[in-house]
Amino acid sequence: MASYTRCPVLLLSALAAAGALTACGGGDGGTVATTASPPPTASAAPTAGTTATTGPGAADPGGPTGPGATASGGATRAGSAAPREPGGTSARPAASSRCHTADLRASVGRENPGAGQENFPVVLTNVSSRTCTVYGFPGAAFVDASGKQLGPDPRRADGTTPARVTLAPGHSAWAGLSFSNPEVSEARTATPAALLVTPPDERQPLRVAWQGGEVPVGGNASAVSLTALAPGTGA
């Protein structure tokens, strides 16, 4: 016997008056009621060149307002990145770092006598792995074997203008140490064991064995002078 699926007829006058139809169907033994529904309203898609970003950080279509806003639509904020020059480098100059005593080695170069003067280059060499700077006059003092100072501190030579010297690792700066030949000046002399050299703006000196013979420590024409530091070794 053939199987039939019965479709009940609903005799509702209200639906009949409205012309409503009840659909029947299904080959699987079930009844599916389908009704027409309006199509969903489509959201406006972003146009080319815009970013569809929502939530915190979304772009304000009206542009920035208030203090700090720029005409180009960007805002200037305190603490923002430093301006950069073409090529991606920072427009702010890097702060230079001066040389400390621990970065340097002191030495005394070969004597260069002339016109009754004894002249020695006092050399500071950068022995560190970083580039640093020196500026001005070094300090100097002759001492005996016990460390006692002999004579007054050298004075700054007239006519020398300090300039900042940048020392890459292994590079040197020098200052000229000069005094009158004791045999000419007849000053009171002593033979130092060492010369203490203090880099500019430092307190800790560097000790260099002195091999330059007698130096004036008192009496006539006993002044010892030092020039400002300059690039090189003075050789």
C-alpha atoms as a PDB file:
ATOM      1  CA  MET A   1       0.000   0.000   0.000  1.00  0.00           C
ATOM      2  CA  ALA A   2       1.324   3.394  -0.922  1.00  0.00           C
ATOM      3  CA  SER A   3       2.272   5.780   1.845  1.00  0.00           C
ATOM      4  CA  TYR A   4       0.692   9.234   1.850  1.00  0.00           C
ATOM      5  CA  THR A   5       1.515  12.364   3.713  1.00  0.00           C
ATOM      6  CA  ARG A   6      -1.600  14.159   4.663  1.00  0.00           C
ATOM      7  CA  CYS A   7      -1.819  17.914   4.551  1.00  0.00           C
ATOM      8  CA  PRO A   8      -4.403  19.309   6.888  1.00  0.00           C
ATOM      9  CA  VAL A   9      -6.408  22.146   5.587  1.00  0.00           C
ATOM     10  CA  LEU A  10      -6.814  24.947   8.012  1.00  0.00           C
ATOM     11  CA  LEU A  11     -10.122  26.581   7.560  1.00  0.00           C
ATOM     12  CA  LEU A  12      -9.378  29.828   9.201  1.00  0.00           C
ATOM     13  CA  SER A  13     -11.448  32.580   7.842  1.00  0.00           C
ATOM     14  CA  ALA A  14      -9.001  35.253   8.865  1.00  0.00           C
ATOM     15  CA  LEU A  15      -6.130  33.698   6.868  1.00  0.00           C
ATOM     16  CA  ALA A  16      -8.392  32.907   3.968  1.00  0.00           C
ATOM     17  CA  ALA A  17      -9.537  36.495   3.884  1.00  0.00           C
ATOM     18  CA  ALA A  18      -5.897  37.659   3.819  1.00  0.00           C
ATOM     19  CA  GLY A  19      -5.053  35.213   1.051  1.00  0.00           C
ATOM     20  CA  ALA A  20      -2.516  33.380   3.181  1.00  0.00           C
ATOM     21  CA  LEU A  21      -1.352  30.041   1.869  1.00  0.00           C
ATOM     22  CA  THR A  22      -0.060  27.144   3.901  1.00  0.00           C
ATOM     23  CA  ALA A  23       2.654  25.289   2.033  1.00  0.00           C
ATOM     24  CA  CYS A  24       3.053  21.570   2.343  1.00  0.00           C
ATOM     25  CA  GLY A  25       5.875  19.517   1.098  1.00  0.00           C
ATOM     26  CA  GLY A  26       8.874  17.410   1.885  1.00  0.00           C
ATOM     27  CA  GLY A  27       9.954  14.122   0.499  1.00  0.00           C
ATOM     28  CA  ASP A  28      11.469  13.153   3.848  1.00  0.00           C
ATOM     29  CA  GLY A  29       8.222  12.913   5.680  1.00  0.00           C
ATOM     30  CA  GLY A  30       8.563  16.318   7.391  1.00  0.00           C
ATOM     31  CA  THR A  31       6.712  19.492   6.856  1.00  0.00           C
ATOM     32  CA  VAL A  32       8.705  22.698   6.243  1.00  0.00           C
ATOM     33  CA  ALA A  33       6.937  26.006   6.530  1.00  0.00           C
ATOM     34  CA  THR A  34       8.660  28.797   4.628  1.00  0.00           C
ATOM     35  CA  THR A  35       7.805  32.437   4.855  1.00  0.00           C
ATOM     36  CA  ALA A  36       9.253  35.357   2.959  1.00  0.00           C
ATOM     37  CA  SER A  37      11.475  37.711   4.979  1.00  0.00           C
ATOM     38  CA  PRO A  38      12.863  41.072   3.986  1.00  0.00           C
ATOM     39  CA  PRO A  39      16.529  41.055   2.805  1.00  0.00           C
ATOM     40  CA  PRO A  40      19.062  42.181   5.422  1.00  0.00           C
ATOM     41  CA  THR A  41      20.165  45.767   5.273  1.00  0.00           C
ATOM     42  CA  ALA A  42      23.717  45.871   3.880  1.00  0.00           C
ATOM     43  CA  SER A  43      26.324  47.889   5.836  1.00  0.00           C
ATOM     44  CA  ALA A  44      28.157  50.530   3.917  1.00  0.00           C
ATOM     45  CA  ALA A  45      31.552  49.153   2.889  1.00  0.00           C
ATOM     46  CA  PRO A  46      34.613  51.362   3.426  1.00  0.00           C
ATOM     47  CA  THR A  47      35.753  53.187   0.370  1.00  0.00           C
ATOM     48  CA  ALA A  48      39.178  52.810  -1.089  1.00  0.00           C
ATOM     49  CA  GLY A  49      41.902  54.527   0.978  1.00  0.00           C
ATOM     50  CA  THR A  50      40.115  54.418   4.322  1.00  0.00           C
ATOM     51  CA  THR A  51      40.688  52.163   7.285  1.00  0.00           C
ATOM     52  CA  ALA A  52      37.758  50.460   8.879  1.00  0.00           C
ATOM     53  CA  THR A  53      39.043  50.598  12.438  1.00  0.00           C
ATOM     54  CA  THR A  54      36.781  50.819  15.433  1.00  0.00           C
ATOM     55  CA  GLY A  55      37.278  51.019  19.142  1.00  0.00           C
ATOM     56  CA  PRO A  56      40.079  52.780  20.998  1.00  0.00           C
ATOM     57  CA  GLY A  57      42.610  54.320  18.658  1.00  0.00           C
ATOM     58  CA  ALA A  58      40.204  54.666  15.743  1.00  0.00           C
ATOM     59  CA  ALA A  59      40.773  57.598  13.455  1.00  0.00           C
ATOM     60  CA  ASP A  60      38.550  60.575  14.049  1.00  0.00           C
ATOM     61  CA  PRO A  61      36.965  61.469  10.683  1.00  0.00           C
ATOM     62  CA  GLY A  62      36.640  65.025  11.825  1.00  0.00           C
ATOM     63  CA  GLY A  63      40.384  65.394  12.480  1.00  0.00           C
ATOM     64  CA  PRO A  64      42.097  66.317  15.756  1.00  0.00           C
ATOM     65  CA  THR A  65      40.927  69.288  17.737  1.00  0.00           C
ATOM     66  CA  GLY A  66      42.216  71.231  20.684  1.00  0.00           C
ATOM     67  CA  PRO A  67      45.736  72.383  21.672  1.00  0.00           C
ATOM     68  CA  GLY A  68      48.561  70.648  19.825  1.00  0.00           C
ATOM     69  CA  ALA A  69      46.558  69.812  16.720  1.00  0.00           C
ATOM     70  CA  THR A  70      48.325  70.376  13.439  1.00  0.00           C
ATOM     71  CA  ALA A  71      46.918  71.470  10.112  1.00  0.00           C
ATOM     72  CA  SER A  72      47.898  68.174   8.509  1.00  0.00           C
ATOM     73  CA  GLY A  73      45.606  66.188  10.786  1.00  0.00           C
ATOM     74  CA  GLY A  74      48.295  64.947  13.176  1.00  0.00           C
ATOM     75  CA  ALA A  75      48.637  65.911  16.812  1.00  0.00           C
ATOM     76  CA  THR A  76      51.770  66.920  18.668  1.00  0.00           C
ATOM     77  CA  ARG A  77      52.046  65.279  22.074  1.00  0.00           C
ATOM     78  CA  ALA A  78      54.466  65.814  24.916  1.00  0.00           C
ATOM     79  CA  GLY A  79      57.040  63.021  25.044  1.00  0.00           C
ATOM     80  CA  SER A  80      56.710  62.161  21.369  1.00  0.00           C
ATOM     81  CA  ALA A  81      59.725  60.974  19.407  1.00  0.00           C
ATOM     82  CA  ALA A  82      62.403  63.543  18.598  1.00  0.00           C
ATOM     83  CA  PRO A  83      62.280  65.019  15.100  1.00  0.00           C
ATOM     84  CA  ARG A  84      64.454  63.270  12.605  1.00  0.00           C
ATOM     85  CA  GLU A  85      66.613  64.566   9.820  1.00  0.00           C
ATOM     86  CA  PRO A  86      66.450  63.185   6.267  1.00  0.00           C
ATOM     87  CA  GLY A  87      67.920  59.714   6.251  1.00  0.00           C
ATOM     88  CA  GLY A  88      66.388  58.692   9.564  1.00  0.00           C
ATOM     89  CA  THR A  89      68.980  60.231  11.904  1.00  0.00           C
ATOM     90  CA  SER A  90      67.971  62.118  15.008  1.00  0.00           C
ATOM     91  CA  ALA A  91      68.063  65.886  14.790  1.00  0.00           C
ATOM     92  CA  ARG A  92      69.406  66.096  18.350  1.00  0.00           C
ATOM     93  CA  PRO A  93      73.207  65.967  18.656  1.00  0.00           C
ATOM     94  CA  ALA A  94      74.540  63.130  20.737  1.00  0.00           C
ATOM     95  CA  ALA A  95      75.982  64.183  24.060  1.00  0.00           C
ATOM     96  CA  SER A  96      79.783  63.784  24.156  1.00  0.00           C
ATOM     97  CA  SER A  97      81.436  61.963  27.057  1.00  0.00           C
ATOM     98  CA  ARG A  98      84.661  63.249  28.539  1.00  0.00           C
ATOM     99  CA  CYS A  99      87.630  61.006  29.190  1.00  0.00           C
ATOM    100  CA  HIS A 100      88.118  59.814  32.752  1.00  0.00           C
ATOM    101  CA  THR A 101      91.443  58.928  34.320  1.00  0.00           C
ATOM    102  CA  ALA A 102      90.712  55.209  33.931  1.00  0.00           C
ATOM    103  CA  ASP A 103      90.290  55.719  30.161  1.00  0.00           C
ATOM    104  CA  LEU A 104      93.768  57.205  29.701  1.00  0.00           C
ATOM    105  CA  ARG A 105      97.463  56.422  29.860  1.00  0.00           C
ATOM    106  CA  ALA A 106     100.008  59.206  30.443  1.00  0.00           C
ATOM    107  CA  SER A 107     103.513  59.391  29.015  1.00  0.00           C
ATOM    108  CA  VAL A 108     106.251  61.965  28.485  1.00  0.00           C
ATOM    109  CA  GLY A 109     107.679  62.275  24.995  1.00  0.00           C
ATOM    110  CA  ARG A 110     111.160  63.101  23.836  1.00  0.00           C
ATOM    111  CA  GLU A 111     112.660  66.396  24.934  1.00  0.00           C
ATOM    112  CA  ASN A 112     112.741  69.218  22.380  1.00  0.00           C
ATOM    113  CA  PRO A 113     115.119  71.864  23.772  1.00  0.00           C
ATOM    114  CA  GLY A 114     115.467  75.337  22.329  1.00  0.00           C
ATOM    115  CA  ALA A 115     116.631  78.874  23.233  1.00  0.00           C
ATOM    116  CA  GLY A 116     117.461  78.022  26.833  1.00  0.00           C
ATOM    117  CA  GLN A 117     114.159  76.193  27.293  1.00  0.00           C
ATOM    118  CA  GLU A 118     113.504  72.571  28.107  1.00  0.00           C
ATOM    119  CA  ASN A 119     110.310  71.326  26.395  1.00  0.00           C
ATOM    120  CA  PHE A 120     108.594  67.986  26.893  1.00  0.00           C
ATOM    121  CA  PRO A 121     105.293  66.755  25.400  1.00  0.00           C
ATOM    122  CA  VAL A 122     102.988  65.315  28.086  1.00  0.00           C
ATOM    123  CA  VAL A 123     100.794  62.819  26.255  1.00  0.00           C
ATOM    124  CA  LEU A 124      97.386  61.381  27.187  1.00  0.00           C
ATOM    125  CA  THR A 125      96.353  58.329  25.164  1.00  0.00           C
ATOM    126  CA  ASN A 126      92.867  56.820  25.111  1.00  0.00           C
ATOM    127  CA  VAL A 127      93.310  53.166  26.111  1.00  0.00           C
ATOM    128  CA  SER A 128      89.585  52.467  26.516  1.00  0.00           C
ATOM    129  CA  SER A 129      87.218  50.913  23.968  1.00  0.00           C
ATOM    130  CA  ARG A 130      85.084  54.043  23.656  1.00  0.00           C
ATOM    131  CA  THR A 131      85.529  57.491  22.118  1.00  0.00           C
ATOM    132  CA  CYS A 132      85.830  60.312  24.643  1.00  0.00           C
ATOM    133  CA  THR A 133      86.922  63.953  24.817  1.00  0.00           C
ATOM    134  CA  VAL A 134      89.435  66.074  26.696  1.00  0.00           C
ATOM    135  CA  TYR A 135      89.306  69.841  27.052  1.00  0.00           C
ATOM    136  CA  GLY A 136      91.655  72.347  28.604  1.00  0.00           C
ATOM    137  CA  PHE A 137      94.816  72.045  30.670  1.00  0.00           C
ATOM    138  CA  PRO A 138      95.993  68.924  32.469  1.00  0.00           C
ATOM    139  CA  GLY A 139      97.325  69.111  35.990  1.00  0.00           C
ATOM    140  CA  ALA A 140     100.955  68.212  36.692  1.00  0.00           C
ATOM    141  CA  ALA A 141     103.313  67.897  39.646  1.00  0.00           C
ATOM    142  CA  PHE A 142     106.858  66.620  40.117  1.00  0.00           C
ATOM    143  CA  VAL A 143     107.251  64.228  43.063  1.00  0.00           C
ATOM    144  CA  ASP A 144     110.109  62.393  44.717  1.00  0.00           C
ATOM    145  CA  ALA A 145     110.254  58.668  45.434  1.00  0.00           C
ATOM    146  CA  SER A 146     108.114  59.089  48.567  1.00  0.00           C
ATOM    147  CA  GLY A 147     105.430  60.987  46.666  1.00  0.00           C
ATOM    148  CA  LYS A 148     106.282  64.403  48.088  1.00  0.00           C
ATOM    149  CA  GLN A 149     105.749  67.251  45.614  1.00  0.00           C
ATOM    150  CA  LEU A 150     108.837  69.087  44.400  1.00  0.00           C
ATOM    151  CA  GLY A 151     108.303  72.749  43.580  1.00  0.00           C
ATOM    152  CA  PRO A 152     105.028  74.552  42.878  1.00  0.00           C
ATOM    153  CA  ASP A 153     102.336  73.433  40.467  1.00  0.00           C
ATOM    154  CA  PRO A 154     103.051  74.311  36.834  1.00  0.00           C
ATOM    155  CA  ARG A 155     101.244  77.418  35.618  1.00  0.00           C
ATOM    156  CA  ARG A 156      99.133  77.701  32.466  1.00  0.00           C
ATOM    157  CA  ALA A 157     101.100  78.930  29.493  1.00  0.00           C
ATOM    158  CA  ASP A 158     100.067  82.259  28.051  1.00  0.00           C
ATOM    159  CA  GLY A 159      98.705  82.477  24.528  1.00  0.00           C
ATOM    160  CA  THR A 160      97.158  78.992  24.347  1.00  0.00           C
ATOM    161  CA  THR A 161      93.429  78.634  23.725  1.00  0.00           C
ATOM    162  CA  PRO A 162      91.740  75.426  24.931  1.00  0.00           C
ATOM    163  CA  ALA A 163      89.879  73.350  22.333  1.00  0.00           C
ATOM    164  CA  ARG A 164      87.892  70.166  22.779  1.00  0.00           C
ATOM    165  CA  VAL A 165      89.827  67.153  21.492  1.00  0.00           C
ATOM    166  CA  THR A 166      87.963  63.967  20.568  1.00  0.00           C
ATOM    167  CA  LEU A 167      89.973  60.819  21.185  1.00  0.00           C
ATOM    168  CA  ALA A 168      88.985  57.603  19.453  1.00  0.00           C
ATOM    169  CA  PRO A 169      90.440  54.454  21.040  1.00  0.00           C
ATOM    170  CA  GLY A 170      94.241  54.519  20.650  1.00  0.00           C
ATOM    171  CA  HIS A 171      94.417  58.242  19.819  1.00  0.00           C
ATOM    172  CA  SER A 172      96.298  60.863  21.830  1.00  0.00           C
ATOM    173  CA  ALA A 173      96.344  64.491  22.917  1.00  0.00           C
ATOM    174  CA  TRP A 174      99.352  66.358  24.244  1.00  0.00           C
ATOM    175  CA  ALA A 175     100.310  69.429  26.289  1.00  0.00           C
ATOM    176  CA  GLY A 176     103.692  71.136  26.226  1.00  0.00           C
ATOM    177  CA  LEU A 177     105.583  71.215  29.532  1.00  0.00           C
ATOM    178  CA  SER A 178     108.344  73.851  29.540  1.00  0.00           C
ATOM    179  CA  PHE A 179     110.841  75.403  31.940  1.00  0.00           C
ATOM    180  CA  SER A 180     114.075  77.365  31.707  1.00  0.00           C
ATOM    181  CA  ASN A 181     117.286  75.355  31.612  1.00  0.00           C
ATOM    182  CA  PRO A 182     118.506  75.326  35.223  1.00  0.00           C
ATOM    183  CA  GLU A 183     122.107  75.798  34.107  1.00  0.00           C
ATOM    184  CA  VAL A 184     121.054  79.083  32.508  1.00  0.00           C
ATOM    185  CA  SER A 185     118.557  80.295  35.114  1.00  0.00           C
ATOM    186  CA  GLU A 186     120.603  79.124  38.121  1.00  0.00           C
ATOM    187  CA  ALA A 187     117.373  78.069  39.795  1.00  0.00           C
ATOM    188  CA  ARG A 188     117.381  75.595  42.670  1.00  0.00           C
ATOM    189  CA  THR A 189     116.799  72.140  41.240  1.00  0.00           C
ATOM    190  CA  ALA A 190     115.771  68.613  42.156  1.00  0.00           C
ATOM    191  CA  THR A 191     115.559  65.371  40.258  1.00  0.00           C
ATOM    192  CA  PRO A 192     112.005  64.007  40.415  1.00  0.00           C
ATOM    193  CA  ALA A 193     111.176  60.334  40.549  1.00  0.00           C
ATOM    194  CA  ALA A 194     107.904  60.834  38.704  1.00  0.00           C
ATOM    195  CA  LEU A 195     105.529  63.310  37.118  1.00  0.00           C
ATOM    196  CA  LEU A 196     101.902  63.126  38.216  1.00  0.00           C
ATOM    197  CA  VAL A 197      99.528  64.019  35.372  1.00  0.00           C
ATOM    198  CA  THR A 198      95.851  64.695  36.100  1.00  0.00           C
ATOM    199  CA  PRO A 199      93.470  64.768  33.094  1.00  0.00           C
ATOM    200  CA  PRO A 200      91.180  67.819  32.839  1.00  0.00           C
ATOM    201  CA  ASP A 201      88.192  67.749  35.217  1.00  0.00           C
ATOM    202  CA  GLU A 202      89.557  64.668  36.993  1.00  0.00           C
ATOM    203  CA  ARG A 203      91.010  64.253  40.483  1.00  0.00           C
ATOM    204  CA  GLN A 204      92.876  60.968  40.157  1.00  0.00           C
ATOM    205  CA  PRO A 205      96.360  61.468  38.622  1.00  0.00           C
ATOM    206  CA  LEU A 206      98.408  59.189  36.406  1.00  0.00           C
ATOM    207  CA  ARG A 207     102.008  58.508  37.467  1.00  0.00           C
ATOM    208  CA  VAL A 208     104.775  58.651  34.878  1.00  0.00           C
ATOM    209  CA  ALA A 209     108.412  57.860  35.627  1.00  0.00           C
ATOM    210  CA  TRP A 210     110.483  61.019  35.054  1.00  0.00           C
ATOM    211  CA  GLN A 211     113.631  60.603  32.975  1.00  0.00           C
ATOM    212  CA  GLY A 212     114.205  64.246  32.031  1.00  0.00           C
ATOM    213  CA  GLY A 213     116.851  65.020  34.651  1.00  0.00           C
ATOM    214  CA  GLU A 214     116.842  68.015  36.969  1.00  0.00           C
ATOM    215  CA  VAL A 215     113.950  70.424  37.070  1.00  0.00           C
ATOM    216  CA  PRO A 216     113.685  73.873  38.716  1.00  0.00           C
ATOM    217  CA  VAL A 217     111.883  73.803  42.054  1.00  0.00           C
ATOM    218  CA  GLY A 218     112.675  77.236  43.503  1.00  0.00           C
ATOM    219  CA  GLY A 219     114.618  80.444  43.122  1.00  0.00           C
ATOM    220  CA  ASN A 220     115.119  82.471  39.965  1.00  0.00           C
ATOM    221  CA  ALA A 221     113.146  81.525  36.842  1.00  0.00           C
ATOM    222  CA  SER A 222     111.862  78.361  38.439  1.00  0.00           C
ATOM    223  CA  ALA A 223     108.398  78.512  36.880  1.00  0.00           C
ATOM    224  CA  VAL A 224     107.180  75.465  34.942  1.00  0.00           C
ATOM    225  CA  SER A 225     104.366  75.959  32.407  1.00  0.00           C
ATOM    226  CA  LEU A 226     101.859  73.755  30.590  1.00  0.00           C
ATOM    227  CA  THR A 227      99.949  74.451  27.383  1.00  0.00           C
ATOM    228  CA  ALA A 228      96.365  73.369  26.677  1.00  0.00           C
ATOM    229  CA  LEU A 229      95.812  69.913  25.222  1.00  0.00           C
ATOM    230  CA  ALA A 230      95.966  69.561  21.436  1.00  0.00           C
ATOM    231  CA  PRO A 231      95.508  66.561  19.108  1.00  0.00           C
ATOM    232  CA  GLY A 232      98.463  64.251  18.539  1.00  0.00           C
ATOM    233  CA  THR A 233     101.591  63.332  20.489  1.00  0.00           C
ATOM    234  CA  GLY A 234     103.672  66.481  20.010  1.00  0.00           C
ATOM    235  CA  ALA A 235     106.392  64.477  18.286  1.00  0.00           C
END
